[in-house]
Amino acid sequence: MKNVFVTVGTTKFELLIDTVLSDKVLEIFNKHGFNKVIVQIGNGNHENIFPNISWEKSSIANLKKKNLEIEAYRFKSSLKEDFKKADLVISHAGSGSIIESLEANKKLIVVCNEDLMDNHQFELAEKMSQLGYLLYTTCSSLITTFDRLKDSDLKLKKYEPGNPRLFGNYLNNNIFS
């Protein structure tokens, strides 16, 4: 089973959820062999799509649309399993979601929220894309970005996490010695 995992983190990113659950995008997922879409909706208001979803941490809503299983929830204590199961991650531009996805070695499309003021997340997504780790886009260009992901010439680099001890070692050797 091929899965798409969509995450908005702890925020509200209504347009991203509405975009990935649109008939047009779901048809593209279907066309490319995906069977399931897991959607972490955060603080979003999507009771019209998922009437059974509540604010309880364990609340999960399911539906079937365009021959795809769609599972939605607001929050979990860890998204690690969803990242692990995903063949593709579509994420907001939060640094935690980006790093967690890259550390799980997943194909990643980062969608920047154009409604945010002083959008530092856009800068992060742009830089990580320039370094070859991910593709980034906005909701209005998600479909064309998805097509780029399927381009056989596109090679995303494997993310190698940094060594968190380097900074501590530097401090110990140069400041505290």
N, C-alpha and C. Protein backbone atom coordinates (compact mmCIF):
# COMPACT_ATOMS: atom_id res chain seq x y z
N MET A 1 0.84 -1.18 0.00
CA MET A 1 0.00 0.00 0.00
C MET A 1 0.89 1.24 0.00
N LYS A 2 0.64 2.17 -0.92
CA LYS A 2 1.39 3.42 -0.98
C LYS A 2 0.63 4.51 -0.25
N ASN A 3 1.35 5.20 0.65
CA ASN A 3 0.74 6.22 1.50
C ASN A 3 1.31 7.61 1.24
N VAL A 4 0.42 8.60 1.34
CA VAL A 4 0.81 10.00 1.40
C VAL A 4 0.51 10.46 2.81
N PHE A 5 1.48 11.13 3.44
CA PHE A 5 1.25 11.70 4.76
C PHE A 5 1.30 13.22 4.62
N VAL A 6 0.25 13.88 5.11
CA VAL A 6 0.15 15.34 5.06
C VAL A 6 0.13 15.85 6.48
N THR A 7 1.02 16.80 6.79
CA THR A 7 1.06 17.35 8.14
C THR A 7 1.09 18.87 8.13
N VAL A 8 0.34 19.46 9.07
CA VAL A 8 0.36 20.90 9.26
C VAL A 8 0.96 21.27 10.62
N GLY A 9 1.48 20.27 11.33
CA GLY A 9 2.05 20.53 12.65
C GLY A 9 0.99 20.95 13.63
N THR A 10 1.33 21.87 14.51
CA THR A 10 0.38 22.31 15.53
C THR A 10 -0.43 23.52 15.08
N THR A 11 -0.25 23.92 13.85
CA THR A 11 -0.88 25.14 13.36
C THR A 11 -2.23 24.86 12.72
N LYS A 12 -2.74 25.88 12.09
CA LYS A 12 -3.95 25.81 11.30
C LYS A 12 -3.54 26.21 9.88
N PHE A 13 -3.66 25.29 8.95
CA PHE A 13 -3.31 25.57 7.55
C PHE A 13 -4.44 25.00 6.70
N GLU A 14 -5.58 25.67 6.76
CA GLU A 14 -6.80 25.21 6.11
C GLU A 14 -6.62 24.98 4.61
N LEU A 15 -5.93 25.91 3.96
CA LEU A 15 -5.79 25.82 2.52
C LEU A 15 -5.02 24.58 2.10
N LEU A 16 -4.00 24.19 2.85
CA LEU A 16 -3.26 22.98 2.51
C LEU A 16 -4.16 21.75 2.62
N ILE A 17 -4.92 21.63 3.70
CA ILE A 17 -5.81 20.49 3.86
C ILE A 17 -6.87 20.47 2.76
N ASP A 18 -7.47 21.62 2.49
CA ASP A 18 -8.48 21.69 1.43
C ASP A 18 -7.88 21.33 0.07
N THR A 19 -6.65 21.75 -0.18
CA THR A 19 -5.99 21.46 -1.46
C THR A 19 -5.72 19.97 -1.61
N VAL A 20 -5.12 19.34 -0.61
CA VAL A 20 -4.78 17.91 -0.76
C VAL A 20 -6.01 17.03 -0.77
N LEU A 21 -7.12 17.51 -0.23
CA LEU A 21 -8.35 16.72 -0.25
C LEU A 21 -9.28 17.10 -1.40
N SER A 22 -8.80 17.97 -2.29
CA SER A 22 -9.61 18.33 -3.45
C SER A 22 -9.66 17.15 -4.42
N ASP A 23 -10.73 17.07 -5.18
CA ASP A 23 -10.88 15.97 -6.14
C ASP A 23 -9.70 15.90 -7.10
N LYS A 24 -9.22 17.05 -7.55
CA LYS A 24 -8.13 17.08 -8.52
C LYS A 24 -6.84 16.46 -7.96
N VAL A 25 -6.48 16.83 -6.74
CA VAL A 25 -5.26 16.29 -6.13
C VAL A 25 -5.45 14.81 -5.78
N LEU A 26 -6.61 14.44 -5.27
CA LEU A 26 -6.85 13.03 -4.95
C LEU A 26 -6.79 12.16 -6.21
N GLU A 27 -7.27 12.67 -7.32
CA GLU A 27 -7.16 11.93 -8.59
C GLU A 27 -5.71 11.74 -8.99
N ILE A 28 -4.88 12.74 -8.76
CA ILE A 28 -3.45 12.62 -9.07
C ILE A 28 -2.80 11.58 -8.17
N PHE A 29 -3.12 11.59 -6.88
CA PHE A 29 -2.60 10.56 -5.98
C PHE A 29 -2.99 9.17 -6.49
N ASN A 30 -4.24 9.03 -6.85
CA ASN A 30 -4.75 7.75 -7.35
C ASN A 30 -4.01 7.33 -8.62
N LYS A 31 -3.84 8.26 -9.53
CA LYS A 31 -3.15 8.00 -10.81
C LYS A 31 -1.71 7.52 -10.59
N HIS A 32 -1.09 7.99 -9.53
CA HIS A 32 0.30 7.63 -9.24
C HIS A 32 0.43 6.46 -8.27
N GLY A 33 -0.68 5.75 -8.07
CA GLY A 33 -0.63 4.50 -7.33
C GLY A 33 -0.76 4.59 -5.83
N PHE A 34 -1.10 5.75 -5.32
CA PHE A 34 -1.30 5.87 -3.88
C PHE A 34 -2.65 5.28 -3.50
N ASN A 35 -2.71 4.64 -2.33
CA ASN A 35 -3.94 4.02 -1.85
C ASN A 35 -4.53 4.72 -0.64
N LYS A 36 -3.66 5.42 0.12
CA LYS A 36 -4.11 6.00 1.37
C LYS A 36 -3.49 7.37 1.57
N VAL A 37 -4.29 8.27 2.15
CA VAL A 37 -3.83 9.60 2.51
C VAL A 37 -4.07 9.76 4.01
N ILE A 38 -3.00 10.00 4.76
CA ILE A 38 -3.09 10.25 6.20
C ILE A 38 -2.89 11.74 6.39
N VAL A 39 -3.85 12.38 7.05
CA VAL A 39 -3.85 13.83 7.17
C VAL A 39 -3.86 14.23 8.63
N GLN A 40 -2.82 14.94 9.05
CA GLN A 40 -2.75 15.51 10.39
C GLN A 40 -3.22 16.95 10.25
N ILE A 41 -4.44 17.25 10.76
CA ILE A 41 -5.07 18.55 10.49
C ILE A 41 -4.80 19.61 11.55
N GLY A 42 -4.12 19.24 12.62
CA GLY A 42 -3.78 20.23 13.65
C GLY A 42 -4.99 20.94 14.21
N ASN A 43 -4.91 22.26 14.27
CA ASN A 43 -6.00 23.07 14.82
C ASN A 43 -7.04 23.47 13.78
N GLY A 44 -6.98 22.86 12.62
CA GLY A 44 -7.90 23.21 11.54
C GLY A 44 -9.35 22.88 11.84
N ASN A 45 -10.23 23.55 11.13
CA ASN A 45 -11.68 23.34 11.27
C ASN A 45 -12.18 22.58 10.04
N HIS A 46 -12.17 21.28 10.15
CA HIS A 46 -12.58 20.46 9.00
C HIS A 46 -13.70 19.49 9.37
N GLU A 47 -14.56 19.93 10.28
CA GLU A 47 -15.68 19.09 10.68
C GLU A 47 -16.64 18.84 9.52
N ASN A 48 -16.65 19.73 8.52
CA ASN A 48 -17.50 19.52 7.35
C ASN A 48 -17.03 18.31 6.53
N ILE A 49 -15.74 18.02 6.55
CA ILE A 49 -15.19 16.87 5.83
C ILE A 49 -15.15 15.66 6.75
N PHE A 50 -14.75 15.88 8.00
CA PHE A 50 -14.61 14.81 8.98
C PHE A 50 -15.54 15.10 10.17
N PRO A 51 -16.84 14.83 10.01
CA PRO A 51 -17.78 15.19 11.08
C PRO A 51 -17.53 14.45 12.40
N ASN A 52 -16.86 13.32 12.36
CA ASN A 52 -16.63 12.54 13.58
C ASN A 52 -15.35 12.89 14.30
N ILE A 53 -14.58 13.82 13.78
CA ILE A 53 -13.31 14.14 14.42
C ILE A 53 -13.55 15.05 15.63
N SER A 54 -12.87 14.75 16.71
CA SER A 54 -13.02 15.57 17.91
C SER A 54 -11.65 16.13 18.27
N TRP A 55 -11.62 16.83 19.40
CA TRP A 55 -10.37 17.43 19.87
C TRP A 55 -9.59 16.48 20.76
N GLU A 56 -10.12 15.28 21.00
CA GLU A 56 -9.39 14.31 21.81
C GLU A 56 -8.18 13.82 21.05
N LYS A 57 -7.09 13.60 21.76
CA LYS A 57 -5.83 13.22 21.13
C LYS A 57 -5.95 11.94 20.31
N SER A 58 -6.76 11.00 20.75
CA SER A 58 -6.86 9.71 20.06
C SER A 58 -7.93 9.68 18.98
N SER A 59 -8.58 10.80 18.71
CA SER A 59 -9.67 10.82 17.75
C SER A 59 -9.15 10.71 16.31
N ILE A 60 -9.67 9.71 15.60
CA ILE A 60 -9.31 9.50 14.19
C ILE A 60 -10.60 9.41 13.39
N ALA A 61 -10.62 10.08 12.26
CA ALA A 61 -11.78 10.02 11.36
C ALA A 61 -11.33 9.37 10.06
N ASN A 62 -12.20 8.57 9.47
CA ASN A 62 -11.89 7.88 8.22
C ASN A 62 -12.99 8.15 7.21
N LEU A 63 -12.58 8.21 5.96
CA LEU A 63 -13.54 8.28 4.86
C LEU A 63 -12.89 7.72 3.61
N LYS A 64 -13.69 7.48 2.62
CA LYS A 64 -13.18 6.98 1.33
C LYS A 64 -13.64 7.98 0.28
N LYS A 65 -12.70 8.42 -0.56
CA LYS A 65 -13.00 9.40 -1.59
C LYS A 65 -12.07 9.15 -2.77
N LYS A 66 -12.61 9.13 -3.96
CA LYS A 66 -11.81 8.92 -5.17
C LYS A 66 -10.98 7.63 -5.07
N ASN A 67 -11.57 6.58 -4.52
CA ASN A 67 -10.93 5.27 -4.34
C ASN A 67 -9.71 5.31 -3.42
N LEU A 68 -9.62 6.31 -2.58
CA LEU A 68 -8.53 6.42 -1.62
C LEU A 68 -9.08 6.34 -0.21
N GLU A 69 -8.36 5.64 0.65
CA GLU A 69 -8.67 5.67 2.08
C GLU A 69 -8.07 6.96 2.63
N ILE A 70 -8.87 7.70 3.36
CA ILE A 70 -8.38 8.94 3.97
C ILE A 70 -8.58 8.83 5.47
N GLU A 71 -7.49 9.04 6.19
CA GLU A 71 -7.51 9.00 7.65
C GLU A 71 -7.06 10.36 8.15
N ALA A 72 -7.81 10.91 9.09
CA ALA A 72 -7.46 12.23 9.62
C ALA A 72 -7.45 12.21 11.14
N TYR A 73 -6.55 13.01 11.68
CA TYR A 73 -6.51 13.22 13.13
C TYR A 73 -5.92 14.61 13.37
N ARG A 74 -6.11 15.10 14.57
CA ARG A 74 -5.57 16.42 14.90
C ARG A 74 -4.12 16.33 15.37
N PHE A 75 -3.90 15.56 16.43
CA PHE A 75 -2.57 15.48 17.03
C PHE A 75 -2.29 14.07 17.51
N LYS A 76 -1.03 13.72 17.57
CA LYS A 76 -0.54 12.50 18.20
C LYS A 76 0.69 12.89 19.00
N SER A 77 1.05 12.08 19.96
CA SER A 77 2.25 12.39 20.74
C SER A 77 3.50 12.28 19.88
N SER A 78 3.45 11.43 18.84
CA SER A 78 4.57 11.29 17.91
C SER A 78 4.02 11.00 16.52
N LEU A 79 4.64 11.60 15.53
CA LEU A 79 4.26 11.37 14.13
C LEU A 79 5.20 10.37 13.46
N LYS A 80 6.13 9.83 14.24
CA LYS A 80 7.18 8.96 13.71
C LYS A 80 6.62 7.81 12.87
N GLU A 81 5.57 7.14 13.32
CA GLU A 81 4.98 6.02 12.58
C GLU A 81 4.39 6.47 11.26
N ASP A 82 3.76 7.64 11.25
CA ASP A 82 3.18 8.16 10.01
C ASP A 82 4.27 8.51 9.00
N PHE A 83 5.36 9.10 9.48
CA PHE A 83 6.49 9.37 8.59
C PHE A 83 7.06 8.06 8.06
N LYS A 84 7.18 7.08 8.94
CA LYS A 84 7.75 5.78 8.56
C LYS A 84 6.92 5.08 7.47
N LYS A 85 5.59 5.15 7.59
CA LYS A 85 4.69 4.48 6.64
C LYS A 85 4.57 5.23 5.31
N ALA A 86 4.95 6.49 5.28
CA ALA A 86 4.72 7.34 4.11
C ALA A 86 5.69 7.05 2.97
N ASP A 87 5.16 7.06 1.77
CA ASP A 87 5.99 7.02 0.56
C ASP A 87 6.26 8.44 0.08
N LEU A 88 5.39 9.35 0.47
CA LEU A 88 5.52 10.77 0.14
C LEU A 88 4.98 11.56 1.32
N VAL A 89 5.70 12.62 1.70
CA VAL A 89 5.24 13.53 2.73
C VAL A 89 4.98 14.89 2.10
N ILE A 90 3.83 15.44 2.42
CA ILE A 90 3.49 16.82 2.05
C ILE A 90 3.33 17.55 3.37
N SER A 91 4.17 18.56 3.59
CA SER A 91 4.24 19.19 4.90
C SER A 91 4.18 20.70 4.82
N HIS A 92 3.70 21.30 5.91
CA HIS A 92 3.87 22.74 6.07
C HIS A 92 5.37 22.99 6.19
N ALA A 93 5.77 24.24 6.26
CA ALA A 93 7.20 24.56 6.23
C ALA A 93 7.82 24.71 7.61
N GLY A 94 7.28 24.04 8.60
CA GLY A 94 7.87 24.08 9.94
C GLY A 94 9.15 23.27 9.99
N SER A 95 10.14 23.78 10.69
CA SER A 95 11.45 23.12 10.71
C SER A 95 11.38 21.72 11.30
N GLY A 96 10.59 21.52 12.34
CA GLY A 96 10.49 20.19 12.96
C GLY A 96 9.94 19.16 11.99
N SER A 97 8.90 19.51 11.27
CA SER A 97 8.31 18.58 10.30
C SER A 97 9.26 18.29 9.15
N ILE A 98 9.96 19.32 8.70
CA ILE A 98 10.92 19.14 7.60
C ILE A 98 12.03 18.19 8.04
N ILE A 99 12.64 18.45 9.17
CA ILE A 99 13.76 17.62 9.63
C ILE A 99 13.30 16.20 9.91
N GLU A 100 12.15 16.04 10.56
CA GLU A 100 11.68 14.69 10.88
C GLU A 100 11.42 13.89 9.60
N SER A 101 10.88 14.53 8.59
CA SER A 101 10.64 13.85 7.32
C SER A 101 11.95 13.47 6.63
N LEU A 102 12.88 14.40 6.61
CA LEU A 102 14.17 14.13 5.96
C LEU A 102 14.95 13.06 6.70
N GLU A 103 14.89 13.07 8.03
CA GLU A 103 15.58 12.04 8.81
C GLU A 103 14.97 10.66 8.56
N ALA A 104 13.67 10.62 8.20
CA ALA A 104 13.01 9.35 7.86
C ALA A 104 13.28 8.96 6.40
N ASN A 105 14.07 9.79 5.70
CA ASN A 105 14.46 9.53 4.31
C ASN A 105 13.24 9.43 3.38
N LYS A 106 12.35 10.40 3.48
CA LYS A 106 11.13 10.42 2.68
C LYS A 106 11.18 11.49 1.61
N LYS A 107 10.53 11.20 0.48
CA LYS A 107 10.34 12.25 -0.52
C LYS A 107 9.46 13.29 0.12
N LEU A 108 9.83 14.56 -0.06
CA LEU A 108 9.16 15.63 0.67
C LEU A 108 8.83 16.80 -0.23
N ILE A 109 7.55 17.19 -0.17
CA ILE A 109 7.10 18.45 -0.76
C ILE A 109 6.68 19.34 0.39
N VAL A 110 7.33 20.49 0.52
CA VAL A 110 7.00 21.46 1.56
C VAL A 110 6.11 22.53 0.94
N VAL A 111 5.00 22.79 1.60
CA VAL A 111 4.04 23.78 1.11
C VAL A 111 4.08 24.98 2.05
N CYS A 112 4.48 26.11 1.51
CA CYS A 112 4.60 27.33 2.31
C CYS A 112 3.23 28.00 2.43
N ASN A 113 2.96 28.49 3.62
CA ASN A 113 1.72 29.19 3.89
C ASN A 113 1.94 30.66 3.58
N GLU A 114 1.36 31.11 2.49
CA GLU A 114 1.56 32.50 2.05
C GLU A 114 0.85 33.52 2.93
N ASP A 115 -0.03 33.05 3.81
CA ASP A 115 -0.76 33.97 4.68
C ASP A 115 0.02 34.39 5.92
N LEU A 116 1.16 33.74 6.18
CA LEU A 116 1.94 34.07 7.37
C LEU A 116 2.72 35.36 7.16
N MET A 117 2.76 36.17 8.19
CA MET A 117 3.56 37.39 8.16
C MET A 117 5.01 37.02 8.44
N ASP A 118 5.95 37.78 7.88
CA ASP A 118 7.37 37.55 8.13
C ASP A 118 7.69 36.07 7.97
N ASN A 119 7.50 35.58 6.77
CA ASN A 119 7.51 34.15 6.52
C ASN A 119 8.91 33.55 6.47
N HIS A 120 9.50 33.32 7.65
CA HIS A 120 10.82 32.69 7.75
C HIS A 120 10.77 31.24 7.27
N GLN A 121 9.60 30.62 7.33
CA GLN A 121 9.47 29.23 6.88
C GLN A 121 9.72 29.13 5.37
N PHE A 122 9.32 30.14 4.65
CA PHE A 122 9.57 30.17 3.20
C PHE A 122 11.08 30.16 2.94
N GLU A 123 11.84 30.92 3.73
CA GLU A 123 13.29 30.97 3.57
C GLU A 123 13.92 29.61 3.83
N LEU A 124 13.45 28.91 4.88
CA LEU A 124 13.96 27.59 5.20
C LEU A 124 13.67 26.61 4.06
N ALA A 125 12.44 26.60 3.59
CA ALA A 125 12.05 25.68 2.51
C ALA A 125 12.87 25.96 1.24
N GLU A 126 13.04 27.22 0.93
CA GLU A 126 13.80 27.60 -0.26
C GLU A 126 15.25 27.13 -0.16
N LYS A 127 15.87 27.34 1.00
CA LYS A 127 17.27 26.93 1.19
C LYS A 127 17.43 25.42 1.13
N MET A 128 16.53 24.68 1.78
CA MET A 128 16.60 23.21 1.76
C MET A 128 16.37 22.68 0.35
N SER A 129 15.56 23.38 -0.42
CA SER A 129 15.35 22.99 -1.82
C SER A 129 16.60 23.27 -2.65
N GLN A 130 17.23 24.44 -2.43
CA GLN A 130 18.46 24.76 -3.14
C GLN A 130 19.55 23.74 -2.84
N LEU A 131 19.55 23.21 -1.62
CA LEU A 131 20.54 22.20 -1.24
C LEU A 131 20.18 20.81 -1.79
N GLY A 132 18.99 20.69 -2.38
CA GLY A 132 18.61 19.45 -3.06
C GLY A 132 17.90 18.41 -2.22
N TYR A 133 17.38 18.82 -1.04
CA TYR A 133 16.74 17.86 -0.14
C TYR A 133 15.25 17.68 -0.36
N LEU A 134 14.59 18.68 -0.91
CA LEU A 134 13.13 18.67 -1.01
C LEU A 134 12.67 19.57 -2.13
N LEU A 135 11.39 19.49 -2.41
CA LEU A 135 10.75 20.46 -3.30
C LEU A 135 9.85 21.33 -2.43
N TYR A 136 9.71 22.60 -2.79
CA TYR A 136 8.80 23.45 -2.05
C TYR A 136 7.89 24.17 -3.02
N THR A 137 6.73 24.57 -2.50
CA THR A 137 5.70 25.15 -3.34
C THR A 137 4.71 25.92 -2.48
N THR A 138 3.67 26.38 -3.12
CA THR A 138 2.50 26.94 -2.44
C THR A 138 1.32 26.06 -2.82
N CYS A 139 0.21 26.27 -2.16
CA CYS A 139 -0.98 25.44 -2.46
C CYS A 139 -1.39 25.56 -3.93
N SER A 140 -1.30 26.75 -4.48
CA SER A 140 -1.74 26.95 -5.86
C SER A 140 -0.86 26.23 -6.88
N SER A 141 0.36 25.88 -6.50
CA SER A 141 1.29 25.21 -7.42
C SER A 141 1.58 23.77 -7.02
N LEU A 142 0.82 23.21 -6.10
CA LEU A 142 1.10 21.86 -5.62
C LEU A 142 1.07 20.82 -6.73
N ILE A 143 0.12 20.92 -7.63
CA ILE A 143 -0.01 19.92 -8.69
C ILE A 143 1.20 19.93 -9.61
N THR A 144 1.67 21.08 -10.02
CA THR A 144 2.85 21.13 -10.90
C THR A 144 4.10 20.67 -10.14
N THR A 145 4.17 20.95 -8.85
CA THR A 145 5.31 20.48 -8.05
C THR A 145 5.27 18.96 -7.93
N PHE A 146 4.09 18.40 -7.75
CA PHE A 146 3.96 16.94 -7.69
C PHE A 146 4.45 16.33 -9.00
N ASP A 147 4.13 16.94 -10.13
CA ASP A 147 4.61 16.45 -11.43
C ASP A 147 6.13 16.50 -11.50
N ARG A 148 6.76 17.53 -10.92
CA ARG A 148 8.23 17.61 -10.89
C ARG A 148 8.83 16.47 -10.08
N LEU A 149 8.14 16.08 -9.03
CA LEU A 149 8.62 14.99 -8.18
C LEU A 149 8.68 13.69 -8.98
N LYS A 150 7.80 13.54 -9.93
CA LYS A 150 7.75 12.32 -10.74
C LYS A 150 8.73 12.38 -11.92
N ASP A 151 9.39 13.50 -12.11
CA ASP A 151 10.37 13.66 -13.19
C ASP A 151 11.56 12.74 -12.92
N SER A 152 11.87 11.89 -13.88
CA SER A 152 12.94 10.91 -13.69
C SER A 152 14.31 11.56 -13.54
N ASP A 153 14.47 12.80 -13.98
CA ASP A 153 15.76 13.50 -13.86
C ASP A 153 15.96 14.10 -12.46
N LEU A 154 14.89 14.22 -11.70
CA LEU A 154 14.97 14.83 -10.38
C LEU A 154 15.55 13.84 -9.38
N LYS A 155 16.64 14.21 -8.75
CA LYS A 155 17.28 13.38 -7.73
C LYS A 155 17.39 14.22 -6.46
N LEU A 156 16.63 13.84 -5.44
CA LEU A 156 16.73 14.52 -4.16
C LEU A 156 17.85 13.88 -3.34
N LYS A 157 18.60 14.73 -2.66
CA LYS A 157 19.72 14.24 -1.85
C LYS A 157 19.23 13.62 -0.56
N LYS A 158 19.97 12.62 -0.09
CA LYS A 158 19.69 12.02 1.21
C LYS A 158 20.19 12.97 2.29
N TYR A 159 19.35 13.23 3.25
CA TYR A 159 19.70 14.13 4.35
C TYR A 159 20.55 13.38 5.37
N GLU A 160 21.67 13.94 5.70
CA GLU A 160 22.54 13.37 6.73
C GLU A 160 22.45 14.27 7.95
N PRO A 161 21.86 13.78 9.04
CA PRO A 161 21.74 14.62 10.24
C PRO A 161 23.10 15.04 10.77
N GLY A 162 23.13 16.22 11.35
CA GLY A 162 24.36 16.71 11.95
C GLY A 162 24.67 15.99 13.25
N ASN A 163 25.87 16.19 13.73
CA ASN A 163 26.29 15.59 14.99
C ASN A 163 26.05 16.63 16.09
N PRO A 164 25.07 16.40 16.97
CA PRO A 164 24.77 17.40 18.00
C PRO A 164 25.89 17.59 19.02
N ARG A 165 26.82 16.68 19.07
CA ARG A 165 27.91 16.79 20.04
C ARG A 165 29.02 17.75 19.58
N LEU A 166 29.04 18.08 18.31
CA LEU A 166 30.10 18.96 17.81
C LEU A 166 30.10 20.31 18.52
N PHE A 167 28.93 20.89 18.68
CA PHE A 167 28.85 22.20 19.33
C PHE A 167 29.30 22.11 20.79
N GLY A 168 28.83 21.09 21.50
CA GLY A 168 29.26 20.89 22.89
C GLY A 168 30.75 20.70 22.99
N ASN A 169 31.30 19.90 22.09
CA ASN A 169 32.76 19.68 22.08
C ASN A 169 33.50 20.98 21.81
N TYR A 170 32.98 21.78 20.88
CA TYR A 170 33.59 23.07 20.58
C TYR A 170 33.62 23.95 21.83
N LEU A 171 32.47 24.03 22.52
CA LEU A 171 32.41 24.83 23.73
C LEU A 171 33.40 24.31 24.79
N ASN A 172 33.41 23.03 24.98
CA ASN A 172 34.31 22.44 25.98
C ASN A 172 35.78 22.71 25.65
N ASN A 173 36.15 22.61 24.39
CA ASN A 173 37.54 22.77 23.99
C ASN A 173 37.99 24.21 23.88
N ASN A 174 37.07 25.12 23.57
CA ASN A 174 37.47 26.50 23.29
C ASN A 174 36.98 27.53 24.31
N ILE A 175 35.97 27.22 25.05
CA ILE A 175 35.42 28.20 25.98
C ILE A 175 35.66 27.79 27.43
N PHE A 176 35.37 26.53 27.71
CA PHE A 176 35.41 26.08 29.10
C PHE A 176 36.71 25.38 29.48
N SER A 177 37.68 25.37 28.60
CA SER A 177 38.93 24.67 28.95
C SER A 177 39.97 25.62 29.51
